[in-house]
Amino acid sequence: MDMDWTAVQQAALAGVIATGVIDLAGWARARWFGIIGPDWGLVGRWIVGLGGGRLVLRAQDKKTPAVPQERMLGWVFHYAVGIALALGFCGIDGFNWLTQPEPMVPTLYGLATVALPFCLMQPALGAGFAARKTPNPTLARVNSLITHGVFGFGLYAGSLFLNLFQVGL
């Protein structure tokens, strides 16, 4: 079976768009509601620590001076995950969502991807499973659900954009 590389590129672009939608929504939430999003520098610091065999960012690691380029590394990781999740959605729903956009299934998929921060990123950054070690775990969980729901809606928006401008179709 031949790989449809145009569809793969479209899905990757939709992942970039969806991640951008998250970031725009995050900017709006910070500006209008004071809800601060993830510190991508700490994510970059965690990634650097992985290279040294450290799976969890400890409290003392958060207080040390910044690792060179950690913020950029965290942002690149953020967008790479968005691309990977969009490609993962193709593994579940095929490429039809790119050519026949509809909001429900991508949004539900986005909500399901909240398992990643709950089970991986929050524990890795020292916040515990589903942010249980944060000052307000319920608020952190709701924010994660909102962010990942927005990501799913962003996949839909990305597929609309690709169809509207016939990008690679």
C-alpha atoms as a PDB file:
ATOM      1  CA  MET A   1       0.000   0.000   0.000  1.00  0.00           C
ATOM      2  CA  ASP A   2       1.434   3.360  -1.024  1.00  0.00           C
ATOM      3  CA  MET A   3       1.529   6.180   1.491  1.00  0.00           C
ATOM      4  CA  ASP A   4      -0.413   9.309   0.509  1.00  0.00           C
ATOM      5  CA  TRP A   5       2.291  11.824   1.388  1.00  0.00           C
ATOM      6  CA  THR A   6       0.107  14.780   0.428  1.00  0.00           C
ATOM      7  CA  ALA A   7      -2.437  13.677   3.026  1.00  0.00           C
ATOM      8  CA  VAL A   8       0.337  13.209   5.604  1.00  0.00           C
ATOM      9  CA  GLN A   9       1.574  16.745   4.907  1.00  0.00           C
ATOM     10  CA  GLN A  10      -1.985  18.080   5.173  1.00  0.00           C
ATOM     11  CA  ALA A  11      -2.491  16.320   8.503  1.00  0.00           C
ATOM     12  CA  ALA A  12       0.813  17.721   9.773  1.00  0.00           C
ATOM     13  CA  LEU A  13      -0.228  21.226   8.710  1.00  0.00           C
ATOM     14  CA  ALA A  14      -3.603  20.738  10.398  1.00  0.00           C
ATOM     15  CA  GLY A  15      -1.695  19.765  13.551  1.00  0.00           C
ATOM     16  CA  VAL A  16       0.330  22.977  13.356  1.00  0.00           C
ATOM     17  CA  ILE A  17      -2.876  24.983  12.867  1.00  0.00           C
ATOM     18  CA  ALA A  18      -4.604  23.216  15.765  1.00  0.00           C
ATOM     19  CA  THR A  19      -1.626  23.888  18.030  1.00  0.00           C
ATOM     20  CA  GLY A  20      -1.691  27.523  16.942  1.00  0.00           C
ATOM     21  CA  VAL A  21      -5.395  27.659  17.842  1.00  0.00           C
ATOM     22  CA  ILE A  22      -4.467  26.375  21.327  1.00  0.00           C
ATOM     23  CA  ASP A  23      -1.857  29.101  21.632  1.00  0.00           C
ATOM     24  CA  LEU A  24      -4.251  31.842  20.498  1.00  0.00           C
ATOM     25  CA  ALA A  25      -6.874  30.604  22.952  1.00  0.00           C
ATOM     26  CA  GLY A  26      -4.212  30.418  25.671  1.00  0.00           C
ATOM     27  CA  TRP A  27      -3.141  33.984  24.969  1.00  0.00           C
ATOM     28  CA  ALA A  28      -6.781  35.133  25.200  1.00  0.00           C
ATOM     29  CA  ARG A  29      -7.348  33.190  28.427  1.00  0.00           C
ATOM     30  CA  ALA A  30      -4.210  34.689  29.979  1.00  0.00           C
ATOM     31  CA  ARG A  31      -5.056  38.219  28.881  1.00  0.00           C
ATOM     32  CA  TRP A  32      -8.757  38.223  29.747  1.00  0.00           C
ATOM     33  CA  PHE A  33      -9.012  35.733  32.599  1.00  0.00           C
ATOM     34  CA  GLY A  34      -5.501  35.605  34.068  1.00  0.00           C
ATOM     35  CA  ILE A  35      -5.191  31.869  33.364  1.00  0.00           C
ATOM     36  CA  ILE A  36      -1.525  31.181  32.749  1.00  0.00           C
ATOM     37  CA  GLY A  37      -0.645  28.331  30.400  1.00  0.00           C
ATOM     38  CA  PRO A  38       2.279  25.912  30.437  1.00  0.00           C
ATOM     39  CA  ASP A  39       5.842  27.111  30.871  1.00  0.00           C
ATOM     40  CA  TRP A  40       7.435  25.784  27.691  1.00  0.00           C
ATOM     41  CA  GLY A  41      10.865  26.577  29.109  1.00  0.00           C
ATOM     42  CA  LEU A  42      10.314  24.008  31.859  1.00  0.00           C
ATOM     43  CA  VAL A  43       9.158  21.505  29.251  1.00  0.00           C
ATOM     44  CA  GLY A  44      12.402  22.149  27.373  1.00  0.00           C
ATOM     45  CA  ARG A  45      14.357  21.715  30.599  1.00  0.00           C
ATOM     46  CA  TRP A  46      12.557  18.389  31.165  1.00  0.00           C
ATOM     47  CA  ILE A  47      13.503  17.268  27.630  1.00  0.00           C
ATOM     48  CA  VAL A  48      17.153  18.140  28.275  1.00  0.00           C
ATOM     49  CA  GLY A  49      16.941  16.154  31.529  1.00  0.00           C
ATOM     50  CA  LEU A  50      15.664  13.135  29.625  1.00  0.00           C
ATOM     51  CA  GLY A  51      18.982  13.086  27.786  1.00  0.00           C
ATOM     52  CA  GLY A  52      20.661  12.732  31.167  1.00  0.00           C
ATOM     53  CA  GLY A  53      18.319   9.946  32.255  1.00  0.00           C
ATOM     54  CA  ARG A  54      16.059  12.114  34.445  1.00  0.00           C
ATOM     55  CA  LEU A  55      12.406  11.216  33.796  1.00  0.00           C
ATOM     56  CA  VAL A  56      10.831  13.665  36.248  1.00  0.00           C
ATOM     57  CA  LEU A  57      11.619  17.355  36.664  1.00  0.00           C
ATOM     58  CA  ARG A  58      12.250  17.806  40.367  1.00  0.00           C
ATOM     59  CA  ALA A  59      11.323  20.919  42.365  1.00  0.00           C
ATOM     60  CA  GLN A  60      14.989  21.929  42.636  1.00  0.00           C
ATOM     61  CA  ASP A  61      15.352  21.632  38.834  1.00  0.00           C
ATOM     62  CA  LYS A  62      12.699  24.333  38.452  1.00  0.00           C
ATOM     63  CA  LYS A  63      14.805  26.746  40.526  1.00  0.00           C
ATOM     64  CA  THR A  64      18.084  26.270  38.662  1.00  0.00           C
ATOM     65  CA  PRO A  65      19.221  28.680  35.948  1.00  0.00           C
ATOM     66  CA  ALA A  66      17.715  28.184  32.516  1.00  0.00           C
ATOM     67  CA  VAL A  67      19.245  25.634  30.200  1.00  0.00           C
ATOM     68  CA  PRO A  68      20.362  27.265  26.920  1.00  0.00           C
ATOM     69  CA  GLN A  69      17.520  27.263  24.375  1.00  0.00           C
ATOM     70  CA  GLU A  70      15.127  25.458  26.745  1.00  0.00           C
ATOM     71  CA  ARG A  71      12.163  27.689  25.869  1.00  0.00           C
ATOM     72  CA  MET A  72      12.678  27.174  22.134  1.00  0.00           C
ATOM     73  CA  LEU A  73      13.049  23.425  22.687  1.00  0.00           C
ATOM     74  CA  GLY A  74       9.797  23.390  24.678  1.00  0.00           C
ATOM     75  CA  TRP A  75       7.931  25.263  21.929  1.00  0.00           C
ATOM     76  CA  VAL A  76       9.290  22.940  19.229  1.00  0.00           C
ATOM     77  CA  PHE A  77       8.200  19.971  21.338  1.00  0.00           C
ATOM     78  CA  HIS A  78       4.724  21.520  21.754  1.00  0.00           C
ATOM     79  CA  TYR A  79       4.237  21.852  17.984  1.00  0.00           C
ATOM     80  CA  ALA A  80       5.796  18.435  17.285  1.00  0.00           C
ATOM     81  CA  VAL A  81       3.258  16.869  19.657  1.00  0.00           C
ATOM     82  CA  GLY A  82       0.467  18.722  17.826  1.00  0.00           C
ATOM     83  CA  ILE A  83       1.680  17.269  14.537  1.00  0.00           C
ATOM     84  CA  ALA A  84       2.022  13.784  16.040  1.00  0.00           C
ATOM     85  CA  LEU A  85      -1.498  13.955  17.488  1.00  0.00           C
ATOM     86  CA  ALA A  86      -2.928  15.038  14.125  1.00  0.00           C
ATOM     87  CA  LEU A  87      -1.164  12.124  12.441  1.00  0.00           C
ATOM     88  CA  GLY A  88      -2.410   9.847  15.218  1.00  0.00           C
ATOM     89  CA  PHE A  89      -5.941  10.989  14.472  1.00  0.00           C
ATOM     90  CA  CYS A  90      -5.409   9.754  10.903  1.00  0.00           C
ATOM     91  CA  GLY A  91      -4.613   6.355  12.364  1.00  0.00           C
ATOM     92  CA  ILE A  92      -8.011   6.357  14.058  1.00  0.00           C
ATOM     93  CA  ASP A  93     -10.240   8.144  11.533  1.00  0.00           C
ATOM     94  CA  GLY A  94      -8.206   7.861   8.340  1.00  0.00           C
ATOM     95  CA  PHE A  95      -7.692  10.952   6.220  1.00  0.00           C
ATOM     96  CA  ASN A  96     -11.402  11.623   5.671  1.00  0.00           C
ATOM     97  CA  TRP A  97     -11.459  14.345   8.339  1.00  0.00           C
ATOM     98  CA  LEU A  98      -9.129  16.361   6.109  1.00  0.00           C
ATOM     99  CA  THR A  99     -11.411  16.275   3.076  1.00  0.00           C
ATOM    100  CA  GLN A 100     -14.802  16.133   4.817  1.00  0.00           C
ATOM    101  CA  PRO A 101     -14.459  18.455   7.824  1.00  0.00           C
ATOM    102  CA  GLU A 102     -16.939  18.136  10.666  1.00  0.00           C
ATOM    103  CA  PRO A 103     -16.396  19.372  14.224  1.00  0.00           C
ATOM    104  CA  MET A 104     -17.632  16.583  16.527  1.00  0.00           C
ATOM    105  CA  VAL A 105     -15.172  13.728  15.985  1.00  0.00           C
ATOM    106  CA  PRO A 106     -11.972  15.849  16.004  1.00  0.00           C
ATOM    107  CA  THR A 107     -13.177  17.701  19.108  1.00  0.00           C
ATOM    108  CA  LEU A 108     -13.904  14.418  20.904  1.00  0.00           C
ATOM    109  CA  TYR A 109     -10.481  13.158  19.834  1.00  0.00           C
ATOM    110  CA  GLY A 110      -8.916  16.326  21.229  1.00  0.00           C
ATOM    111  CA  LEU A 111     -10.696  15.772  24.539  1.00  0.00           C
ATOM    112  CA  ALA A 112      -9.425  12.179  24.619  1.00  0.00           C
ATOM    113  CA  THR A 113      -5.839  13.399  24.162  1.00  0.00           C
ATOM    114  CA  VAL A 114      -6.058  14.972  27.632  1.00  0.00           C
ATOM    115  CA  ALA A 115      -4.778  11.589  28.793  1.00  0.00           C
ATOM    116  CA  LEU A 116      -1.307  12.713  27.667  1.00  0.00           C
ATOM    117  CA  PRO A 117      -0.898  15.616  30.076  1.00  0.00           C
ATOM    118  CA  PHE A 118      -2.727  13.749  32.860  1.00  0.00           C
ATOM    119  CA  CYS A 119      -0.610  10.601  32.554  1.00  0.00           C
ATOM    120  CA  LEU A 120       2.677  11.878  31.112  1.00  0.00           C
ATOM    121  CA  MET A 121       3.422  15.593  31.101  1.00  0.00           C
ATOM    122  CA  GLN A 122       2.010  16.616  34.472  1.00  0.00           C
ATOM    123  CA  PRO A 123       3.743  13.766  36.316  1.00  0.00           C
ATOM    124  CA  ALA A 124       6.951  14.394  34.349  1.00  0.00           C
ATOM    125  CA  LEU A 125       6.925  18.047  35.347  1.00  0.00           C
ATOM    126  CA  GLY A 126       6.428  17.157  39.016  1.00  0.00           C
ATOM    127  CA  ALA A 127       2.703  17.990  39.198  1.00  0.00           C
ATOM    128  CA  GLY A 128       1.649  14.371  39.753  1.00  0.00           C
ATOM    129  CA  PHE A 129      -0.962  12.294  37.960  1.00  0.00           C
ATOM    130  CA  ALA A 130      -3.714  14.588  36.621  1.00  0.00           C
ATOM    131  CA  ALA A 131      -2.090  17.559  38.384  1.00  0.00           C
ATOM    132  CA  ARG A 132      -2.901  16.164  41.843  1.00  0.00           C
ATOM    133  CA  LYS A 133       0.139  17.920  43.393  1.00  0.00           C
ATOM    134  CA  THR A 134      -0.839  21.387  42.171  1.00  0.00           C
ATOM    135  CA  PRO A 135      -2.458  23.989  44.435  1.00  0.00           C
ATOM    136  CA  ASN A 136      -5.775  23.580  42.601  1.00  0.00           C
ATOM    137  CA  PRO A 137      -5.932  20.199  40.834  1.00  0.00           C
ATOM    138  CA  THR A 138      -9.539  20.667  39.701  1.00  0.00           C
ATOM    139  CA  LEU A 139      -8.729  23.946  37.958  1.00  0.00           C
ATOM    140  CA  ALA A 140      -5.623  22.407  36.344  1.00  0.00           C
ATOM    141  CA  ARG A 141      -7.706  19.472  35.076  1.00  0.00           C
ATOM    142  CA  VAL A 142     -10.434  21.713  33.699  1.00  0.00           C
ATOM    143  CA  ASN A 143      -7.806  23.858  31.965  1.00  0.00           C
ATOM    144  CA  SER A 144      -6.268  20.748  30.412  1.00  0.00           C
ATOM    145  CA  LEU A 145      -9.681  19.596  29.183  1.00  0.00           C
ATOM    146  CA  ILE A 146     -10.411  23.024  27.703  1.00  0.00           C
ATOM    147  CA  THR A 147      -7.015  23.149  26.000  1.00  0.00           C
ATOM    148  CA  HIS A 148      -7.361  19.696  24.474  1.00  0.00           C
ATOM    149  CA  GLY A 149     -10.948  20.328  23.414  1.00  0.00           C
ATOM    150  CA  VAL A 150      -9.698  23.486  21.702  1.00  0.00           C
ATOM    151  CA  PHE A 151      -6.980  21.396  20.036  1.00  0.00           C
ATOM    152  CA  GLY A 152      -9.608  19.020  18.623  1.00  0.00           C
ATOM    153  CA  PHE A 153     -11.680  21.942  17.392  1.00  0.00           C
ATOM    154  CA  GLY A 154      -8.437  23.321  15.925  1.00  0.00           C
ATOM    155  CA  LEU A 155      -8.033  20.108  13.914  1.00  0.00           C
ATOM    156  CA  TYR A 156     -11.471  20.773  12.487  1.00  0.00           C
ATOM    157  CA  ALA A 157     -10.545  24.418  11.814  1.00  0.00           C
ATOM    158  CA  GLY A 158      -7.309  23.269  10.180  1.00  0.00           C
ATOM    159  CA  SER A 159      -9.162  20.879   7.899  1.00  0.00           C
ATOM    160  CA  LEU A 160     -11.595  23.683   6.972  1.00  0.00           C
ATOM    161  CA  PHE A 161      -8.650  25.952   6.170  1.00  0.00           C
ATOM    162  CA  LEU A 162      -7.006  23.279   4.015  1.00  0.00           C
ATOM    163  CA  ASN A 163     -10.244  22.752   2.099  1.00  0.00           C
ATOM    164  CA  LEU A 164     -11.092  26.433   1.778  1.00  0.00           C
ATOM    165  CA  PHE A 165      -7.704  27.245   0.284  1.00  0.00           C
ATOM    166  CA  GLN A 166      -7.350  23.827  -1.368  1.00  0.00           C
ATOM    167  CA  VAL A 167      -3.944  23.310   0.206  1.00  0.00           C
ATOM    168  CA  GLY A 168      -2.488  20.187  -1.383  1.00  0.00           C
ATOM    169  CA  LEU A 169      -5.892  18.866  -2.431  1.00  0.00           C
END
